[in-house]
Amino acid sequence: MTKRRGETRQRLLDAALHVFAEQGFGRSTVEQVCERAGYTRGAFYSNFASLDDLFLAMWEQRSTELIDGLREALHHMDKTKVTDVRGVVELVTPAVPVDDSWYRITAEFTAHALRNPGLGRVMKTREEAIGGAITPVVAALLAEIGRETPDQVALGQALVAVHDGTAVQCLLEPDNPAVWRRRTDLFERVLTAYSIETGGRS
């Protein structure tokens, strides 16, 4: 791929992120994406076979960026001050963003994936990647405070479920501290339920 074509493709992907978030995938058109990116339909179809193709490429790229950012944030955390399960939650959750535009796109993609087995596999891979990024860090932090996680796969699935389920509540009431506190409470309960005490800090 030439540098110029790569730049064209990236501008179309960036434009798609905004159009899909604002309009919804079902109401978005190739023309809207092209207008936002400043290109013609010809430029679009030289890079993507269809709007579905663009949607999938944009979603996969953004998911990869978010997972890479999550790994980076987790790597640089100050883990020395964690003393209990609540502390684990309060340290880790800020690294997982609650983003309005991305939630809308993810919700659209989920609905689309439920109607398309191929996309469903992509969705499953994304959730496994997120769980794979965050669960080992959480398990290590729990071990530091004397708790073992017997099934890290199940813990990862539970963490993704709590994040996705509470994100919409936080987005609907972003200025309500009780909503955010209940989100933290739920994460704490999940970590407690999916781990067992081993008898003190390691």
C-alpha atoms as a PDB file:
ATOM      1  CA  MET A   1       0.000   0.000   0.000  1.00  0.00           C
ATOM      2  CA  THR A   2       1.411   3.406  -0.995  1.00  0.00           C
ATOM      3  CA  LYS A   3       1.744   6.193   1.564  1.00  0.00           C
ATOM      4  CA  ARG A   4      -0.931   8.236  -0.208  1.00  0.00           C
ATOM      5  CA  ARG A   5      -3.383   5.350  -0.323  1.00  0.00           C
ATOM      6  CA  GLY A   6      -2.676   4.605   3.322  1.00  0.00           C
ATOM      7  CA  GLU A   7      -3.481   8.211   4.239  1.00  0.00           C
ATOM      8  CA  THR A   8      -6.703   8.088   2.200  1.00  0.00           C
ATOM      9  CA  ARG A   9      -7.755   4.871   3.898  1.00  0.00           C
ATOM     10  CA  GLN A  10      -7.008   6.296   7.343  1.00  0.00           C
ATOM     11  CA  ARG A  11      -9.014   9.465   6.687  1.00  0.00           C
ATOM     12  CA  LEU A  12     -11.963   7.341   5.616  1.00  0.00           C
ATOM     13  CA  LEU A  13     -11.625   5.245   8.783  1.00  0.00           C
ATOM     14  CA  ASP A  14     -11.466   8.387  10.947  1.00  0.00           C
ATOM     15  CA  ALA A  15     -14.499   9.835   9.185  1.00  0.00           C
ATOM     16  CA  ALA A  16     -16.415   6.580   9.649  1.00  0.00           C
ATOM     17  CA  LEU A  17     -15.821   6.687  13.404  1.00  0.00           C
ATOM     18  CA  HIS A  18     -17.589  10.053  13.617  1.00  0.00           C
ATOM     19  CA  VAL A  19     -20.364   9.267  11.129  1.00  0.00           C
ATOM     20  CA  PHE A  20     -21.259   5.916  12.704  1.00  0.00           C
ATOM     21  CA  ALA A  21     -21.259   7.452  16.195  1.00  0.00           C
ATOM     22  CA  GLU A  22     -23.466  10.368  15.108  1.00  0.00           C
ATOM     23  CA  GLN A  23     -25.839   8.656  12.670  1.00  0.00           C
ATOM     24  CA  GLY A  24     -25.746   5.000  13.658  1.00  0.00           C
ATOM     25  CA  PHE A  25     -24.562   2.314  11.286  1.00  0.00           C
ATOM     26  CA  GLY A  26     -28.039   1.595   9.938  1.00  0.00           C
ATOM     27  CA  ARG A  27     -28.569   5.214   8.858  1.00  0.00           C
ATOM     28  CA  SER A  28     -25.052   5.955   7.638  1.00  0.00           C
ATOM     29  CA  THR A  29     -24.212   6.084   3.933  1.00  0.00           C
ATOM     30  CA  VAL A  30     -21.089   5.930   1.801  1.00  0.00           C
ATOM     31  CA  GLU A  31     -21.793   9.523   0.749  1.00  0.00           C
ATOM     32  CA  GLN A  32     -21.792  10.750   4.363  1.00  0.00           C
ATOM     33  CA  VAL A  33     -18.451   9.109   5.062  1.00  0.00           C
ATOM     34  CA  CYS A  34     -16.957  10.473   1.841  1.00  0.00           C
ATOM     35  CA  GLU A  35     -18.208  13.987   2.583  1.00  0.00           C
ATOM     36  CA  ARG A  36     -16.767  13.858   6.099  1.00  0.00           C
ATOM     37  CA  ALA A  37     -13.407  12.606   4.806  1.00  0.00           C
ATOM     38  CA  GLY A  38     -13.338  14.958   1.799  1.00  0.00           C
ATOM     39  CA  TYR A  39     -13.178  12.202  -0.829  1.00  0.00           C
ATOM     40  CA  THR A  40     -15.236  10.870  -3.717  1.00  0.00           C
ATOM     41  CA  ARG A  41     -17.078   7.561  -3.936  1.00  0.00           C
ATOM     42  CA  GLY A  42     -14.258   6.386  -6.210  1.00  0.00           C
ATOM     43  CA  ALA A  43     -11.727   6.866  -3.406  1.00  0.00           C
ATOM     44  CA  PHE A  44     -14.012   4.964  -1.068  1.00  0.00           C
ATOM     45  CA  TYR A  45     -14.464   1.959  -3.328  1.00  0.00           C
ATOM     46  CA  SER A  46     -10.760   1.777  -4.136  1.00  0.00           C
ATOM     47  CA  ASN A  47     -10.190   1.085  -0.428  1.00  0.00           C
ATOM     48  CA  PHE A  48     -13.330  -0.695   0.790  1.00  0.00           C
ATOM     49  CA  ALA A  49     -15.728  -3.095  -0.862  1.00  0.00           C
ATOM     50  CA  SER A  50     -18.761  -1.844   1.047  1.00  0.00           C
ATOM     51  CA  LEU A  51     -19.940   0.075   4.089  1.00  0.00           C
ATOM     52  CA  ASP A  52     -19.871  -3.222   6.004  1.00  0.00           C
ATOM     53  CA  ASP A  53     -16.220  -3.659   5.024  1.00  0.00           C
ATOM     54  CA  LEU A  54     -15.406  -0.138   6.230  1.00  0.00           C
ATOM     55  CA  PHE A  55     -17.326  -0.645   9.454  1.00  0.00           C
ATOM     56  CA  LEU A  56     -15.419  -3.834  10.248  1.00  0.00           C
ATOM     57  CA  ALA A  57     -12.021  -2.265   9.450  1.00  0.00           C
ATOM     58  CA  MET A  58     -12.785   0.806  11.560  1.00  0.00           C
ATOM     59  CA  TRP A  59     -14.058  -1.279  14.467  1.00  0.00           C
ATOM     60  CA  GLU A  60     -11.074  -3.639  14.417  1.00  0.00           C
ATOM     61  CA  GLN A  61      -8.578  -0.762  14.260  1.00  0.00           C
ATOM     62  CA  ARG A  62     -10.219   1.141  17.096  1.00  0.00           C
ATOM     63  CA  SER A  63     -10.502  -1.997  19.230  1.00  0.00           C
ATOM     64  CA  THR A  64      -6.800  -2.712  18.744  1.00  0.00           C
ATOM     65  CA  GLU A  65      -5.899   0.860  19.719  1.00  0.00           C
ATOM     66  CA  LEU A  66      -8.027   0.659  22.873  1.00  0.00           C
ATOM     67  CA  ILE A  67      -6.537  -2.685  23.904  1.00  0.00           C
ATOM     68  CA  ASP A  68      -2.986  -1.413  23.287  1.00  0.00           C
ATOM     69  CA  GLY A  69      -3.777   1.688  25.346  1.00  0.00           C
ATOM     70  CA  LEU A  70      -5.191  -0.475  28.125  1.00  0.00           C
ATOM     71  CA  ARG A  71      -2.062  -2.636  28.234  1.00  0.00           C
ATOM     72  CA  GLU A  72       0.138   0.470  28.338  1.00  0.00           C
ATOM     73  CA  ALA A  73      -1.880   2.049  31.163  1.00  0.00           C
ATOM     74  CA  LEU A  74      -1.853  -1.165  33.188  1.00  0.00           C
ATOM     75  CA  HIS A  75       1.889  -1.533  32.716  1.00  0.00           C
ATOM     76  CA  HIS A  76       2.622   1.896  34.210  1.00  0.00           C
ATOM     77  CA  MET A  77       0.336   1.665  37.229  1.00  0.00           C
ATOM     78  CA  ASP A  78       1.688   2.153  40.756  1.00  0.00           C
ATOM     79  CA  LYS A  79       0.746  -1.235  42.183  1.00  0.00           C
ATOM     80  CA  THR A  80       2.539  -0.810  45.506  1.00  0.00           C
ATOM     81  CA  LYS A  81      -0.295   0.937  47.349  1.00  0.00           C
ATOM     82  CA  VAL A  82      -2.999  -1.692  46.792  1.00  0.00           C
ATOM     83  CA  THR A  83      -4.068  -3.318  50.072  1.00  0.00           C
ATOM     84  CA  ASP A  84      -7.529  -4.753  49.396  1.00  0.00           C
ATOM     85  CA  VAL A  85      -9.992  -5.695  46.628  1.00  0.00           C
ATOM     86  CA  ARG A  86     -11.439  -2.187  46.524  1.00  0.00           C
ATOM     87  CA  GLY A  87      -7.959  -0.861  45.946  1.00  0.00           C
ATOM     88  CA  VAL A  88      -7.508  -3.213  42.986  1.00  0.00           C
ATOM     89  CA  VAL A  89     -10.726  -1.917  41.437  1.00  0.00           C
ATOM     90  CA  GLU A  90      -9.868   1.733  42.016  1.00  0.00           C
ATOM     91  CA  LEU A  91      -6.431   1.250  40.479  1.00  0.00           C
ATOM     92  CA  VAL A  92      -7.535  -0.646  37.363  1.00  0.00           C
ATOM     93  CA  THR A  93     -10.891   0.853  36.319  1.00  0.00           C
ATOM     94  CA  PRO A  94      -9.554   4.305  35.290  1.00  0.00           C
ATOM     95  CA  ALA A  95      -7.510   2.521  32.616  1.00  0.00           C
ATOM     96  CA  VAL A  96     -10.724   1.272  30.961  1.00  0.00           C
ATOM     97  CA  PRO A  97     -12.449   4.262  29.353  1.00  0.00           C
ATOM     98  CA  VAL A  98     -16.199   4.843  29.328  1.00  0.00           C
ATOM     99  CA  ASP A  99     -16.479   6.602  25.983  1.00  0.00           C
ATOM    100  CA  ASP A 100     -19.817   7.778  24.598  1.00  0.00           C
ATOM    101  CA  SER A 101     -18.965   7.588  20.886  1.00  0.00           C
ATOM    102  CA  TRP A 102     -17.264   4.219  21.200  1.00  0.00           C
ATOM    103  CA  TYR A 103     -20.149   2.787  23.227  1.00  0.00           C
ATOM    104  CA  ARG A 104     -22.603   3.709  20.482  1.00  0.00           C
ATOM    105  CA  ILE A 105     -20.414   2.094  17.834  1.00  0.00           C
ATOM    106  CA  THR A 106     -19.851  -1.028  19.917  1.00  0.00           C
ATOM    107  CA  ALA A 107     -23.592  -1.361  20.556  1.00  0.00           C
ATOM    108  CA  GLU A 108     -24.220  -1.070  16.793  1.00  0.00           C
ATOM    109  CA  PHE A 109     -21.529  -3.615  16.036  1.00  0.00           C
ATOM    110  CA  THR A 110     -22.886  -6.048  18.621  1.00  0.00           C
ATOM    111  CA  ALA A 111     -26.370  -5.901  17.118  1.00  0.00           C
ATOM    112  CA  HIS A 112     -24.917  -6.322  13.631  1.00  0.00           C
ATOM    113  CA  ALA A 113     -22.726  -9.236  14.777  1.00  0.00           C
ATOM    114  CA  LEU A 114     -25.712 -11.078  16.258  1.00  0.00           C
ATOM    115  CA  ARG A 115     -27.165 -11.215  12.740  1.00  0.00           C
ATOM    116  CA  ASN A 116     -23.875 -12.283  11.145  1.00  0.00           C
ATOM    117  CA  PRO A 117     -21.946 -15.332  12.444  1.00  0.00           C
ATOM    118  CA  GLY A 118     -18.681 -14.120  10.892  1.00  0.00           C
ATOM    119  CA  LEU A 119     -18.860 -10.808  12.703  1.00  0.00           C
ATOM    120  CA  GLY A 120     -19.878 -12.640  15.858  1.00  0.00           C
ATOM    121  CA  ARG A 121     -16.520 -14.411  15.810  1.00  0.00           C
ATOM    122  CA  VAL A 122     -14.769 -11.039  15.491  1.00  0.00           C
ATOM    123  CA  MET A 123     -16.738  -9.772  18.495  1.00  0.00           C
ATOM    124  CA  LYS A 124     -15.784 -12.844  20.537  1.00  0.00           C
ATOM    125  CA  THR A 125     -12.117 -12.367  19.645  1.00  0.00           C
ATOM    126  CA  ARG A 126     -12.287  -8.724  20.744  1.00  0.00           C
ATOM    127  CA  GLU A 127     -13.751  -9.624  24.135  1.00  0.00           C
ATOM    128  CA  GLU A 128     -11.144 -12.347  24.617  1.00  0.00           C
ATOM    129  CA  ALA A 129      -8.376  -9.849  23.790  1.00  0.00           C
ATOM    130  CA  ILE A 130      -9.692  -7.333  26.321  1.00  0.00           C
ATOM    131  CA  GLY A 131     -10.021 -10.021  28.961  1.00  0.00           C
ATOM    132  CA  GLY A 132      -6.548 -11.284  28.089  1.00  0.00           C
ATOM    133  CA  ALA A 133      -5.099  -7.794  28.562  1.00  0.00           C
ATOM    134  CA  ILE A 134      -6.689  -6.956  31.894  1.00  0.00           C
ATOM    135  CA  THR A 135      -7.176 -10.284  33.693  1.00  0.00           C
ATOM    136  CA  PRO A 136      -3.507 -11.207  34.297  1.00  0.00           C
ATOM    137  CA  VAL A 137      -2.897  -7.772  35.818  1.00  0.00           C
ATOM    138  CA  VAL A 138      -5.957  -8.048  38.057  1.00  0.00           C
ATOM    139  CA  ALA A 139      -4.998 -11.601  39.063  1.00  0.00           C
ATOM    140  CA  ALA A 140      -1.474 -10.469  39.961  1.00  0.00           C
ATOM    141  CA  LEU A 141      -2.828  -7.612  42.061  1.00  0.00           C
ATOM    142  CA  LEU A 142      -5.212  -9.962  43.845  1.00  0.00           C
ATOM    143  CA  ALA A 143      -2.328 -12.337  44.515  1.00  0.00           C
ATOM    144  CA  GLU A 144      -0.415  -9.481  46.125  1.00  0.00           C
ATOM    145  CA  ILE A 145      -3.210  -9.064  48.667  1.00  0.00           C
ATOM    146  CA  GLY A 146      -3.542 -12.798  49.291  1.00  0.00           C
ATOM    147  CA  ARG A 147      -6.281 -13.824  46.858  1.00  0.00           C
ATOM    148  CA  GLU A 148      -6.126 -16.475  44.121  1.00  0.00           C
ATOM    149  CA  THR A 149      -8.194 -16.495  40.903  1.00  0.00           C
ATOM    150  CA  PRO A 150      -8.911 -20.147  40.003  1.00  0.00           C
ATOM    151  CA  ASP A 151     -10.575 -19.375  36.629  1.00  0.00           C
ATOM    152  CA  GLN A 152      -9.065 -16.335  34.931  1.00  0.00           C
ATOM    153  CA  VAL A 153     -11.077 -16.856  31.738  1.00  0.00           C
ATOM    154  CA  ALA A 154     -14.351 -16.643  33.670  1.00  0.00           C
ATOM    155  CA  LEU A 155     -13.067 -13.604  35.546  1.00  0.00           C
ATOM    156  CA  GLY A 156     -12.183 -11.866  32.278  1.00  0.00           C
ATOM    157  CA  GLN A 157     -15.640 -12.525  30.848  1.00  0.00           C
ATOM    158  CA  ALA A 158     -17.247 -11.200  34.015  1.00  0.00           C
ATOM    159  CA  LEU A 159     -15.153  -8.015  33.950  1.00  0.00           C
ATOM    160  CA  VAL A 160     -16.058  -7.317  30.315  1.00  0.00           C
ATOM    161  CA  ALA A 161     -19.737  -7.941  31.111  1.00  0.00           C
ATOM    162  CA  VAL A 162     -19.691  -5.538  34.076  1.00  0.00           C
ATOM    163  CA  HIS A 163     -17.903  -2.864  32.060  1.00  0.00           C
ATOM    164  CA  ASP A 164     -20.289  -3.114  29.101  1.00  0.00           C
ATOM    165  CA  GLY A 165     -23.358  -3.335  31.316  1.00  0.00           C
ATOM    166  CA  THR A 166     -22.558  -0.366  33.538  1.00  0.00           C
ATOM    167  CA  ALA A 167     -21.097   1.872  30.816  1.00  0.00           C
ATOM    168  CA  VAL A 168     -24.532   2.836  29.478  1.00  0.00           C
ATOM    169  CA  GLN A 169     -25.730   3.755  32.981  1.00  0.00           C
ATOM    170  CA  CYS A 170     -22.699   5.998  33.490  1.00  0.00           C
ATOM    171  CA  LEU A 171     -23.160   7.608  30.076  1.00  0.00           C
ATOM    172  CA  LEU A 172     -26.824   8.338  30.787  1.00  0.00           C
ATOM    173  CA  GLU A 173     -25.965   9.960  34.136  1.00  0.00           C
ATOM    174  CA  PRO A 174     -22.341  11.095  33.820  1.00  0.00           C
ATOM    175  CA  ASP A 175     -22.605  13.614  36.666  1.00  0.00           C
ATOM    176  CA  ASN A 176     -24.278  11.263  39.145  1.00  0.00           C
ATOM    177  CA  PRO A 177     -21.595  10.031  41.582  1.00  0.00           C
ATOM    178  CA  ALA A 178     -23.914   7.297  42.884  1.00  0.00           C
ATOM    179  CA  VAL A 179     -23.951   5.615  39.463  1.00  0.00           C
ATOM    180  CA  TRP A 180     -20.155   5.573  39.267  1.00  0.00           C
ATOM    181  CA  ARG A 181     -19.913   4.346  42.859  1.00  0.00           C
ATOM    182  CA  ARG A 182     -22.287   1.477  42.143  1.00  0.00           C
ATOM    183  CA  ARG A 183     -20.137   0.575  39.117  1.00  0.00           C
ATOM    184  CA  THR A 184     -17.091   0.375  41.399  1.00  0.00           C
ATOM    185  CA  ASP A 185     -19.098  -1.624  43.974  1.00  0.00           C
ATOM    186  CA  LEU A 186     -20.105  -4.143  41.312  1.00  0.00           C
ATOM    187  CA  PHE A 187     -16.530  -4.591  40.118  1.00  0.00           C
ATOM    188  CA  GLU A 188     -15.474  -5.152  43.721  1.00  0.00           C
ATOM    189  CA  ARG A 189     -18.140  -7.828  44.223  1.00  0.00           C
ATOM    190  CA  VAL A 190     -17.139  -9.580  40.997  1.00  0.00           C
ATOM    191  CA  LEU A 191     -13.461  -9.674  41.971  1.00  0.00           C
ATOM    192  CA  THR A 192     -14.386 -11.016  45.384  1.00  0.00           C
ATOM    193  CA  ALA A 193     -16.691 -13.666  43.906  1.00  0.00           C
ATOM    194  CA  TYR A 194     -14.124 -14.872  41.352  1.00  0.00           C
ATOM    195  CA  SER A 195     -11.222 -15.113  43.788  1.00  0.00           C
ATOM    196  CA  ILE A 196     -10.505 -16.952  47.020  1.00  0.00           C
ATOM    197  CA  GLU A 197      -8.436 -16.003  50.053  1.00  0.00           C
ATOM    198  CA  THR A 198      -5.082 -17.732  50.342  1.00  0.00           C
ATOM    199  CA  GLY A 199      -4.010 -16.276  53.673  1.00  0.00           C
ATOM    200  CA  GLY A 200      -2.354 -12.907  53.551  1.00  0.00           C
ATOM    201  CA  ARG A 201      -0.237 -10.866  51.164  1.00  0.00           C
ATOM    202  CA  SER A 202       2.265 -12.686  49.015  1.00  0.00           C
END
